[in-house]
Amino acid sequence: MGWTKAQKKEARALFDLALEREYRALIDEVNAREITSREEVWALRDRLNAKAREMDQKYDYRYSQLIYVFLRLYDDGYLSVEELRRLGDKYEEIDKFFKLREEYDS
């Protein structure tokens, strides 16, 4: 089933919200570092490069992938169930995965 215009608008807002939250967490992580050596500079560069690759893979705004993206963003703590419910019946698809996972884990 496709995405309605309203669902697309809400999906974009949730996607952007999660992305902003993840960037904020990364900025906070970087700001908390006290870099005192060259090695720490390069370690930070390596961390940022790895994080960039991770985020490029995670934030895939193709409608065919958004359900999976939102599941991961929930798992990573960047979106809540209450926020995902704003997707209407698309949340039902997400909830099916939650229930499948619960069955598998028990």
PDB file of N, CA and C in Angstrom:
ATOM      1  N   MET A   1       0.843  -1.177   0.000  1.00  0.00           N
ATOM      2  CA  MET A   1       0.000   0.000   0.000  1.00  0.00           C
ATOM      3  C   MET A   1       0.889   1.242   0.000  1.00  0.00           C
ATOM      4  N   GLY A   2       0.525   2.222  -0.793  1.00  0.00           N
ATOM      5  CA  GLY A   2       1.321   3.436  -0.920  1.00  0.00           C
ATOM      6  C   GLY A   2       1.159   4.386   0.255  1.00  0.00           C
ATOM      7  N   TRP A   3       1.891   5.441   0.169  1.00  0.00           N
ATOM      8  CA  TRP A   3       1.873   6.477   1.199  1.00  0.00           C
ATOM      9  C   TRP A   3       0.937   7.598   0.762  1.00  0.00           C
ATOM     10  N   THR A   4       0.051   8.025   1.650  1.00  0.00           N
ATOM     11  CA  THR A   4      -0.800   9.167   1.352  1.00  0.00           C
ATOM     12  C   THR A   4       0.024  10.446   1.451  1.00  0.00           C
ATOM     13  N   LYS A   5      -0.540  11.514   0.934  1.00  0.00           N
ATOM     14  CA  LYS A   5       0.143  12.800   1.001  1.00  0.00           C
ATOM     15  C   LYS A   5       0.402  13.191   2.456  1.00  0.00           C
ATOM     16  N   ALA A   6      -0.584  12.983   3.321  1.00  0.00           N
ATOM     17  CA  ALA A   6      -0.431  13.320   4.741  1.00  0.00           C
ATOM     18  C   ALA A   6       0.642  12.446   5.400  1.00  0.00           C
ATOM     19  N   GLN A   7       0.679  11.172   5.052  1.00  0.00           N
ATOM     20  CA  GLN A   7       1.694  10.271   5.609  1.00  0.00           C
ATOM     21  C   GLN A   7       3.085  10.655   5.125  1.00  0.00           C
ATOM     22  N   LYS A   8       3.192  11.055   3.883  1.00  0.00           N
ATOM     23  CA  LYS A   8       4.495  11.489   3.358  1.00  0.00           C
ATOM     24  C   LYS A   8       4.989  12.723   4.105  1.00  0.00           C
ATOM     25  N   LYS A   9       4.081  13.645   4.362  1.00  0.00           N
ATOM     26  CA  LYS A   9       4.451  14.859   5.094  1.00  0.00           C
ATOM     27  C   LYS A   9       4.895  14.511   6.511  1.00  0.00           C
ATOM     28  N   GLU A  10       4.146  13.638   7.184  1.00  0.00           N
ATOM     29  CA  GLU A  10       4.504  13.234   8.546  1.00  0.00           C
ATOM     30  C   GLU A  10       5.792  12.424   8.559  1.00  0.00           C
ATOM     31  N   ALA A  11       5.970  11.557   7.571  1.00  0.00           N
ATOM     32  CA  ALA A  11       7.193  10.754   7.481  1.00  0.00           C
ATOM     33  C   ALA A  11       8.412  11.658   7.333  1.00  0.00           C
ATOM     34  N   ARG A  12       8.282  12.685   6.499  1.00  0.00           N
ATOM     35  CA  ARG A  12       9.403  13.614   6.319  1.00  0.00           C
ATOM     36  C   ARG A  12       9.723  14.333   7.622  1.00  0.00           C
ATOM     37  N   ALA A  13       8.678  14.739   8.339  1.00  0.00           N
ATOM     38  CA  ALA A  13       8.889  15.441   9.613  1.00  0.00           C
ATOM     39  C   ALA A  13       9.563  14.520  10.624  1.00  0.00           C
ATOM     40  N   LEU A  14       9.139  13.271  10.705  1.00  0.00           N
ATOM     41  CA  LEU A  14       9.748  12.320  11.650  1.00  0.00           C
ATOM     42  C   LEU A  14      11.176  11.995  11.245  1.00  0.00           C
ATOM     43  N   PHE A  15      11.399  11.807   9.969  1.00  0.00           N
ATOM     44  CA  PHE A  15      12.734  11.530   9.443  1.00  0.00           C
ATOM     45  C   PHE A  15      13.682  12.666   9.823  1.00  0.00           C
ATOM     46  N   ASP A  16      13.252  13.895   9.555  1.00  0.00           N
ATOM     47  CA  ASP A  16      14.080  15.061   9.864  1.00  0.00           C
ATOM     48  C   ASP A  16      14.292  15.224  11.365  1.00  0.00           C
ATOM     49  N   LEU A  17      13.264  14.926  12.161  1.00  0.00           N
ATOM     50  CA  LEU A  17      13.376  15.006  13.616  1.00  0.00           C
ATOM     51  C   LEU A  17      14.438  14.029  14.128  1.00  0.00           C
ATOM     52  N   ALA A  18      14.372  12.791  13.652  1.00  0.00           N
ATOM     53  CA  ALA A  18      15.353  11.790  14.075  1.00  0.00           C
ATOM     54  C   ALA A  18      16.756  12.173  13.626  1.00  0.00           C
ATOM     55  N   LEU A  19      16.878  12.649  12.403  1.00  0.00           N
ATOM     56  CA  LEU A  19      18.185  13.062  11.889  1.00  0.00           C
ATOM     57  C   LEU A  19      18.760  14.190  12.741  1.00  0.00           C
ATOM     58  N   GLU A  20      17.947  15.158  13.078  1.00  0.00           N
ATOM     59  CA  GLU A  20      18.401  16.264  13.918  1.00  0.00           C
ATOM     60  C   GLU A  20      18.819  15.766  15.301  1.00  0.00           C
ATOM     61  N   ARG A  21      18.050  14.834  15.844  1.00  0.00           N
ATOM     62  CA  ARG A  21      18.404  14.276  17.155  1.00  0.00           C
ATOM     63  C   ARG A  21      19.739  13.546  17.099  1.00  0.00           C
ATOM     64  N   GLU A  22      19.957  12.804  16.037  1.00  0.00           N
ATOM     65  CA  GLU A  22      21.218  12.067  15.936  1.00  0.00           C
ATOM     66  C   GLU A  22      22.390  13.020  15.745  1.00  0.00           C
ATOM     67  N   TYR A  23      22.214  14.044  14.939  1.00  0.00           N
ATOM     68  CA  TYR A  23      23.275  15.044  14.791  1.00  0.00           C
ATOM     69  C   TYR A  23      23.550  15.746  16.118  1.00  0.00           C
ATOM     70  N   ARG A  24      22.505  16.066  16.851  1.00  0.00           N
ATOM     71  CA  ARG A  24      22.669  16.735  18.157  1.00  0.00           C
ATOM     72  C   ARG A  24      23.470  15.838  19.107  1.00  0.00           C
ATOM     73  N   ALA A  25      23.158  14.531  19.112  1.00  0.00           N
ATOM     74  CA  ALA A  25      23.892  13.591  19.956  1.00  0.00           C
ATOM     75  C   ALA A  25      25.359  13.526  19.538  1.00  0.00           C
ATOM     76  N   LEU A  26      25.607  13.547  18.232  1.00  0.00           N
ATOM     77  CA  LEU A  26      26.985  13.511  17.742  1.00  0.00           C
ATOM     78  C   LEU A  26      27.727  14.797  18.112  1.00  0.00           C
ATOM     79  N   ILE A  27      27.069  15.923  17.954  1.00  0.00           N
ATOM     80  CA  ILE A  27      27.683  17.199  18.332  1.00  0.00           C
ATOM     81  C   ILE A  27      28.008  17.213  19.819  1.00  0.00           C
ATOM     82  N   ASP A  28      27.090  16.724  20.628  1.00  0.00           N
ATOM     83  CA  ASP A  28      27.339  16.659  22.068  1.00  0.00           C
ATOM     84  C   ASP A  28      28.520  15.748  22.387  1.00  0.00           C
ATOM     85  N   GLU A  29      28.601  14.628  21.665  1.00  0.00           N
ATOM     86  CA  GLU A  29      29.724  13.703  21.862  1.00  0.00           C
ATOM     87  C   GLU A  29      31.047  14.377  21.512  1.00  0.00           C
ATOM     88  N   VAL A  30      31.073  15.079  20.390  1.00  0.00           N
ATOM     89  CA  VAL A  30      32.298  15.756  19.957  1.00  0.00           C
ATOM     90  C   VAL A  30      32.670  16.861  20.940  1.00  0.00           C
ATOM     91  N   ASN A  31      31.690  17.625  21.367  1.00  0.00           N
ATOM     92  CA  ASN A  31      31.953  18.717  22.302  1.00  0.00           C
ATOM     93  C   ASN A  31      32.441  18.219  23.661  1.00  0.00           C
ATOM     94  N   ALA A  32      32.068  17.017  24.036  1.00  0.00           N
ATOM     95  CA  ALA A  32      32.475  16.466  25.329  1.00  0.00           C
ATOM     96  C   ALA A  32      33.924  15.968  25.324  1.00  0.00           C
ATOM     97  N   ARG A  33      34.471  15.790  24.136  1.00  0.00           N
ATOM     98  CA  ARG A  33      35.856  15.306  24.039  1.00  0.00           C
ATOM     99  C   ARG A  33      36.834  16.420  24.386  1.00  0.00           C
ATOM    100  N   GLU A  34      37.848  16.028  25.103  1.00  0.00           N
ATOM    101  CA  GLU A  34      38.951  16.957  25.383  1.00  0.00           C
ATOM    102  C   GLU A  34      40.160  16.441  24.627  1.00  0.00           C
ATOM    103  N   ILE A  35      40.357  16.987  23.462  1.00  0.00           N
ATOM    104  CA  ILE A  35      41.426  16.511  22.588  1.00  0.00           C
ATOM    105  C   ILE A  35      42.727  17.205  22.985  1.00  0.00           C
ATOM    106  N   THR A  36      43.700  16.372  23.285  1.00  0.00           N
ATOM    107  CA  THR A  36      44.983  16.909  23.747  1.00  0.00           C
ATOM    108  C   THR A  36      46.168  16.369  22.960  1.00  0.00           C
ATOM    109  N   SER A  37      45.895  15.516  21.974  1.00  0.00           N
ATOM    110  CA  SER A  37      47.028  14.954  21.223  1.00  0.00           C
ATOM    111  C   SER A  37      46.639  14.749  19.764  1.00  0.00           C
ATOM    112  N   ARG A  38      47.656  14.574  18.938  1.00  0.00           N
ATOM    113  CA  ARG A  38      47.421  14.297  17.521  1.00  0.00           C
ATOM    114  C   ARG A  38      46.633  13.013  17.339  1.00  0.00           C
ATOM    115  N   GLU A  39      46.966  12.016  18.151  1.00  0.00           N
ATOM    116  CA  GLU A  39      46.293  10.730  18.045  1.00  0.00           C
ATOM    117  C   GLU A  39      44.796  10.878  18.286  1.00  0.00           C
ATOM    118  N   GLU A  40      44.459  11.733  19.247  1.00  0.00           N
ATOM    119  CA  GLU A  40      43.040  11.949  19.532  1.00  0.00           C
ATOM    120  C   GLU A  40      42.335  12.690  18.390  1.00  0.00           C
ATOM    121  N   VAL A  41      43.058  13.561  17.706  1.00  0.00           N
ATOM    122  CA  VAL A  41      42.498  14.243  16.540  1.00  0.00           C
ATOM    123  C   VAL A  41      42.135  13.217  15.476  1.00  0.00           C
ATOM    124  N   TRP A  42      43.080  12.310  15.197  1.00  0.00           N
ATOM    125  CA  TRP A  42      42.833  11.309  14.150  1.00  0.00           C
ATOM    126  C   TRP A  42      41.799  10.289  14.588  1.00  0.00           C
ATOM    127  N   ALA A  43      41.750   9.986  15.858  1.00  0.00           N
ATOM    128  CA  ALA A  43      40.707   9.084  16.363  1.00  0.00           C
ATOM    129  C   ALA A  43      39.329   9.727  16.181  1.00  0.00           C
ATOM    130  N   LEU A  44      39.254  11.019  16.421  1.00  0.00           N
ATOM    131  CA  LEU A  44      37.998  11.727  16.207  1.00  0.00           C
ATOM    132  C   LEU A  44      37.621  11.714  14.727  1.00  0.00           C
ATOM    133  N   ARG A  45      38.601  11.967  13.873  1.00  0.00           N
ATOM    134  CA  ARG A  45      38.330  11.916  12.430  1.00  0.00           C
ATOM    135  C   ARG A  45      37.796  10.549  12.033  1.00  0.00           C
ATOM    136  N   ASP A  46      38.433   9.486  12.536  1.00  0.00           N
ATOM    137  CA  ASP A  46      37.987   8.133  12.218  1.00  0.00           C
ATOM    138  C   ASP A  46      36.566   7.887  12.724  1.00  0.00           C
ATOM    139  N   ARG A  47      36.275   8.367  13.926  1.00  0.00           N
ATOM    140  CA  ARG A  47      34.932   8.218  14.497  1.00  0.00           C
ATOM    141  C   ARG A  47      33.906   8.948  13.635  1.00  0.00           C
ATOM    142  N   LEU A  48      34.237  10.159  13.214  1.00  0.00           N
ATOM    143  CA  LEU A  48      33.304  10.932  12.402  1.00  0.00           C
ATOM    144  C   LEU A  48      33.107  10.297  11.015  1.00  0.00           C
ATOM    145  N   ASN A  49      34.163   9.779  10.432  1.00  0.00           N
ATOM    146  CA  ASN A  49      34.029   9.091   9.141  1.00  0.00           C
ATOM    147  C   ASN A  49      33.145   7.859   9.261  1.00  0.00           C
ATOM    148  N   ALA A  50      33.342   7.080  10.321  1.00  0.00           N
ATOM    149  CA  ALA A  50      32.523   5.883  10.537  1.00  0.00           C
ATOM    150  C   ALA A  50      31.064   6.279  10.771  1.00  0.00           C
ATOM    151  N   LYS A  51      30.853   7.312  11.545  1.00  0.00           N
ATOM    152  CA  LYS A  51      29.495   7.779  11.825  1.00  0.00           C
ATOM    153  C   LYS A  51      28.831   8.289  10.546  1.00  0.00           C
ATOM    154  N   ALA A  52      29.576   8.965   9.702  1.00  0.00           N
ATOM    155  CA  ALA A  52      29.022   9.448   8.431  1.00  0.00           C
ATOM    156  C   ALA A  52      28.567   8.284   7.556  1.00  0.00           C
ATOM    157  N   ARG A  53      29.382   7.234   7.473  1.00  0.00           N
ATOM    158  CA  ARG A  53      29.000   6.053   6.697  1.00  0.00           C
ATOM    159  C   ARG A  53      27.746   5.409   7.275  1.00  0.00           C
ATOM    160  N   GLU A  54      27.708   5.274   8.602  1.00  0.00           N
ATOM    161  CA  GLU A  54      26.553   4.678   9.275  1.00  0.00           C
ATOM    162  C   GLU A  54      25.279   5.487   8.986  1.00  0.00           C
ATOM    163  N   MET A  55      25.372   6.788   9.103  1.00  0.00           N
ATOM    164  CA  MET A  55      24.199   7.630   8.891  1.00  0.00           C
ATOM    165  C   MET A  55      23.778   7.641   7.421  1.00  0.00           C
ATOM    166  N   ASP A  56      24.727   7.608   6.507  1.00  0.00           N
ATOM    167  CA  ASP A  56      24.382   7.543   5.084  1.00  0.00           C
ATOM    168  C   ASP A  56      23.581   6.279   4.771  1.00  0.00           C
ATOM    169  N   GLN A  57      23.939   5.177   5.410  1.00  0.00           N
ATOM    170  CA  GLN A  57      23.218   3.927   5.201  1.00  0.00           C
ATOM    171  C   GLN A  57      21.868   3.933   5.909  1.00  0.00           C
ATOM    172  N   LYS A  58      21.826   4.484   7.090  1.00  0.00           N
ATOM    173  CA  LYS A  58      20.604   4.463   7.906  1.00  0.00           C
ATOM    174  C   LYS A  58      19.516   5.371   7.352  1.00  0.00           C
ATOM    175  N   TYR A  59      19.860   6.579   6.967  1.00  0.00           N
ATOM    176  CA  TYR A  59      18.863   7.574   6.569  1.00  0.00           C
ATOM    177  C   TYR A  59      18.592   7.483   5.068  1.00  0.00           C
ATOM    178  N   ASP A  60      17.786   6.495   4.716  1.00  0.00           N
ATOM    179  CA  ASP A  60      17.420   6.214   3.329  1.00  0.00           C
ATOM    180  C   ASP A  60      15.955   6.624   3.152  1.00  0.00           C
ATOM    181  N   TYR A  61      15.739   7.756   2.496  1.00  0.00           N
ATOM    182  CA  TYR A  61      14.386   8.275   2.372  1.00  0.00           C
ATOM    183  C   TYR A  61      13.702   7.814   1.078  1.00  0.00           C
ATOM    184  N   ARG A  62      13.727   6.535   0.867  1.00  0.00           N
ATOM    185  CA  ARG A  62      12.912   5.958  -0.205  1.00  0.00           C
ATOM    186  C   ARG A  62      11.687   5.370   0.478  1.00  0.00           C
ATOM    187  N   TYR A  63      10.519   5.624  -0.091  1.00  0.00           N
ATOM    188  CA  TYR A  63       9.291   5.160   0.559  1.00  0.00           C
ATOM    189  C   TYR A  63       9.295   3.653   0.752  1.00  0.00           C
ATOM    190  N   SER A  64       9.947   2.928  -0.140  1.00  0.00           N
ATOM    191  CA  SER A  64      10.017   1.465  -0.006  1.00  0.00           C
ATOM    192  C   SER A  64      10.847   1.040   1.200  1.00  0.00           C
ATOM    193  N   GLN A  65      11.660   1.944   1.728  1.00  0.00           N
ATOM    194  CA  GLN A  65      12.549   1.618   2.846  1.00  0.00           C
ATOM    195  C   GLN A  65      12.151   2.274   4.164  1.00  0.00           C
ATOM    196  N   LEU A  66      11.232   3.216   4.114  1.00  0.00           N
ATOM    197  CA  LEU A  66      10.964   4.033   5.302  1.00  0.00           C
ATOM    198  C   LEU A  66      10.492   3.238   6.510  1.00  0.00           C
ATOM    199  N   ILE A  67       9.692   2.206   6.316  1.00  0.00           N
ATOM    200  CA  ILE A  67       9.241   1.403   7.460  1.00  0.00           C
ATOM    201  C   ILE A  67      10.455   0.849   8.195  1.00  0.00           C
ATOM    202  N   TYR A  68      11.419   0.326   7.457  1.00  0.00           N
ATOM    203  CA  TYR A  68      12.626  -0.246   8.059  1.00  0.00           C
ATOM    204  C   TYR A  68      13.500   0.834   8.691  1.00  0.00           C
ATOM    205  N   VAL A  69      13.561   1.981   8.032  1.00  0.00           N
ATOM    206  CA  VAL A  69      14.318   3.112   8.582  1.00  0.00           C
ATOM    207  C   VAL A  69      13.715   3.526   9.918  1.00  0.00           C
ATOM    208  N   PHE A  70      12.398   3.647   9.962  1.00  0.00           N
ATOM    209  CA  PHE A  70      11.740   4.052  11.198  1.00  0.00           C
ATOM    210  C   PHE A  70      11.907   3.013  12.296  1.00  0.00           C
ATOM    211  N   LEU A  71      11.887   1.747  11.944  1.00  0.00           N
ATOM    212  CA  LEU A  71      12.150   0.693  12.943  1.00  0.00           C
ATOM    213  C   LEU A  71      13.537   0.878  13.550  1.00  0.00           C
ATOM    214  N   ARG A  72      14.510   1.110  12.712  1.00  0.00           N
ATOM    215  CA  ARG A  72      15.873   1.292  13.214  1.00  0.00           C
ATOM    216  C   ARG A  72      15.996   2.562  14.045  1.00  0.00           C
ATOM    217  N   LEU A  73      15.348   3.626  13.611  1.00  0.00           N
ATOM    218  CA  LEU A  73      15.410   4.873  14.367  1.00  0.00           C
ATOM    219  C   LEU A  73      14.745   4.717  15.727  1.00  0.00           C
ATOM    220  N   TYR A  74      13.711   3.907  15.790  1.00  0.00           N
ATOM    221  CA  TYR A  74      13.107   3.590  17.089  1.00  0.00           C
ATOM    222  C   TYR A  74      14.103   2.793  17.936  1.00  0.00           C
ATOM    223  N   ASP A  75      14.678   1.746  17.353  1.00  0.00           N
ATOM    224  CA  ASP A  75      15.639   0.908  18.079  1.00  0.00           C
ATOM    225  C   ASP A  75      16.828   1.719  18.578  1.00  0.00           C
ATOM    226  N   ASP A  76      17.256   2.685  17.785  1.00  0.00           N
ATOM    227  CA  ASP A  76      18.407   3.507  18.160  1.00  0.00           C
ATOM    228  C   ASP A  76      18.034   4.624  19.134  1.00  0.00           C
ATOM    229  N   GLY A  77      16.734   4.767  19.416  1.00  0.00           N
ATOM    230  CA  GLY A  77      16.289   5.740  20.403  1.00  0.00           C
ATOM    231  C   GLY A  77      16.042   7.142  19.865  1.00  0.00           C
ATOM    232  N   TYR A  78      15.956   7.270  18.542  1.00  0.00           N
ATOM    233  CA  TYR A  78      15.762   8.597  17.966  1.00  0.00           C
ATOM    234  C   TYR A  78      14.298   8.924  17.673  1.00  0.00           C
ATOM    235  N   LEU A  79      13.426   7.922  17.727  1.00  0.00           N
ATOM    236  CA  LEU A  79      11.986   8.130  17.601  1.00  0.00           C
ATOM    237  C   LEU A  79      11.273   7.269  18.634  1.00  0.00           C
ATOM    238  N   SER A  80      10.132   7.743  19.096  1.00  0.00           N
ATOM    239  CA  SER A  80       9.334   7.003  20.077  1.00  0.00           C
ATOM    240  C   SER A  80       8.121   6.364  19.388  1.00  0.00           C
ATOM    241  N   VAL A  81       7.500   5.433  20.080  1.00  0.00           N
ATOM    242  CA  VAL A  81       6.274   4.820  19.572  1.00  0.00           C
ATOM    243  C   VAL A  81       5.209   5.888  19.371  1.00  0.00           C
ATOM    244  N   GLU A  82       5.099   6.800  20.319  1.00  0.00           N
ATOM    245  CA  GLU A  82       4.097   7.862  20.201  1.00  0.00           C
ATOM    246  C   GLU A  82       4.314   8.684  18.932  1.00  0.00           C
ATOM    247  N   GLU A  83       5.551   8.970  18.614  1.00  0.00           N
ATOM    248  CA  GLU A  83       5.846   9.723  17.395  1.00  0.00           C
ATOM    249  C   GLU A  83       5.522   8.898  16.153  1.00  0.00           C
ATOM    250  N   LEU A  84       5.865   7.624  16.177  1.00  0.00           N
ATOM    251  CA  LEU A  84       5.596   6.758  15.029  1.00  0.00           C
ATOM    252  C   LEU A  84       4.098   6.582  14.790  1.00  0.00           C
ATOM    253  N   ARG A  85       3.309   6.643  15.833  1.00  0.00           N
ATOM    254  CA  ARG A  85       1.850   6.505  15.676  1.00  0.00           C
ATOM    255  C   ARG A  85       1.269   7.619  14.816  1.00  0.00           C
ATOM    256  N   ARG A  86       1.976   8.708  14.692  1.00  0.00           N
ATOM    257  CA  ARG A  86       1.499   9.818  13.854  1.00  0.00           C
ATOM    258  C   ARG A  86       1.441   9.430  12.374  1.00  0.00           C
ATOM    259  N   LEU A  87       2.022   8.294  12.021  1.00  0.00           N
ATOM    260  CA  LEU A  87       1.996   7.821  10.640  1.00  0.00           C
ATOM    261  C   LEU A  87       0.691   7.121  10.274  1.00  0.00           C
ATOM    262  N   GLY A  88      -0.245   7.042  11.208  1.00  0.00           N
ATOM    263  CA  GLY A  88      -1.539   6.414  10.920  1.00  0.00           C
ATOM    264  C   GLY A  88      -1.400   4.940  10.633  1.00  0.00           C
ATOM    265  N   ASP A  89      -2.025   4.486   9.539  1.00  0.00           N
ATOM    266  CA  ASP A  89      -1.997   3.050   9.262  1.00  0.00           C
ATOM    267  C   ASP A  89      -0.607   2.545   8.876  1.00  0.00           C
ATOM    268  N   LYS A  90       0.311   3.422   8.541  1.00  0.00           N
ATOM    269  CA  LYS A  90       1.698   2.988   8.318  1.00  0.00           C
ATOM    270  C   LYS A  90       2.319   2.518   9.636  1.00  0.00           C
ATOM    271  N   TYR A  91       1.837   3.091  10.744  1.00  0.00           N
ATOM    272  CA  TYR A  91       2.320   2.608  12.044  1.00  0.00           C
ATOM    273  C   TYR A  91       1.924   1.149  12.243  1.00  0.00           C
ATOM    274  N   GLU A  92       0.775   0.749  11.722  1.00  0.00           N
ATOM    275  CA  GLU A  92       0.344  -0.652  11.856  1.00  0.00           C
ATOM    276  C   GLU A  92       1.373  -1.601  11.231  1.00  0.00           C
ATOM    277  N   GLU A  93       1.962  -1.194  10.120  1.00  0.00           N
ATOM    278  CA  GLU A  93       3.013  -2.010   9.498  1.00  0.00           C
ATOM    279  C   GLU A  93       4.231  -2.095  10.418  1.00  0.00           C
ATOM    280  N   ILE A  94       4.587  -0.991  11.022  1.00  0.00           N
ATOM    281  CA  ILE A  94       5.714  -0.968  11.953  1.00  0.00           C
ATOM    282  C   ILE A  94       5.406  -1.836  13.166  1.00  0.00           C
ATOM    283  N   ASP A  95       4.183  -1.716  13.667  1.00  0.00           N
ATOM    284  CA  ASP A  95       3.779  -2.484  14.839  1.00  0.00           C
ATOM    285  C   ASP A  95       3.826  -3.983  14.572  1.00  0.00           C
ATOM    286  N   LYS A  96       3.534  -4.401  13.352  1.00  0.00           N
ATOM    287  CA  LYS A  96       3.635  -5.834  13.003  1.00  0.00           C
ATOM    288  C   LYS A  96       5.060  -6.332  13.215  1.00  0.00           C
ATOM    289  N   PHE A  97       6.027  -5.518  12.844  1.00  0.00           N
ATOM    290  CA  PHE A  97       7.419  -5.905  13.055  1.00  0.00           C
ATOM    291  C   PHE A  97       7.755  -5.957  14.544  1.00  0.00           C
ATOM    292  N   PHE A  98       7.219  -5.002  15.314  1.00  0.00           N
ATOM    293  CA  PHE A  98       7.422  -5.044  16.765  1.00  0.00           C
ATOM    294  C   PHE A  98       6.892  -6.356  17.335  1.00  0.00           C
ATOM    295  N   LYS A  99       5.691  -6.738  16.917  1.00  0.00           N
ATOM    296  CA  LYS A  99       5.062  -7.959  17.436  1.00  0.00           C
ATOM    297  C   LYS A  99       5.817  -9.205  16.993  1.00  0.00           C
ATOM    298  N   LEU A 100       6.269  -9.220  15.749  1.00  0.00           N
ATOM    299  CA  LEU A 100       7.060 -10.362  15.275  1.00  0.00           C
ATOM    300  C   LEU A 100       8.341 -10.514  16.079  1.00  0.00           C
ATOM    301  N   ARG A 101       8.951  -9.401  16.371  1.00  0.00           N
ATOM    302  CA  ARG A 101      10.201  -9.418  17.137  1.00  0.00           C
ATOM    303  C   ARG A 101       9.944  -9.913  18.557  1.00  0.00           C
ATOM    304  N   GLU A 102       8.833  -9.456  19.147  1.00  0.00           N
ATOM    305  CA  GLU A 102       8.482  -9.920  20.501  1.00  0.00           C
ATOM    306  C   GLU A 102       8.288 -11.430  20.519  1.00  0.00           C
ATOM    307  N   GLU A 103       7.578 -11.956  19.502  1.00  0.00           N
ATOM    308  CA  GLU A 103       7.357 -13.407  19.416  1.00  0.00           C
ATOM    309  C   GLU A 103       8.671 -14.153  19.257  1.00  0.00           C
ATOM    310  N   TYR A 104       9.534 -13.615  18.441  1.00  0.00           N
ATOM    311  CA  TYR A 104      10.820 -14.256  18.190  1.00  0.00           C
ATOM    312  C   TYR A 104      11.697 -14.249  19.436  1.00  0.00           C
ATOM    313  N   ASP A 105      11.665 -13.134  20.179  1.00  0.00           N
ATOM    314  CA  ASP A 105      12.506 -13.003  21.368  1.00  0.00           C
ATOM    315  C   ASP A 105      12.006 -13.825  22.557  1.00  0.00           C
ATOM    316  N   SER A 106      10.721 -14.201  22.521  1.00  0.00           N
ATOM    317  CA  SER A 106      10.208 -14.960  23.687  1.00  0.00           C
ATOM    318  C   SER A 106      10.284 -16.447  23.513  1.00  0.00           C
TER     319      SER A 106
END
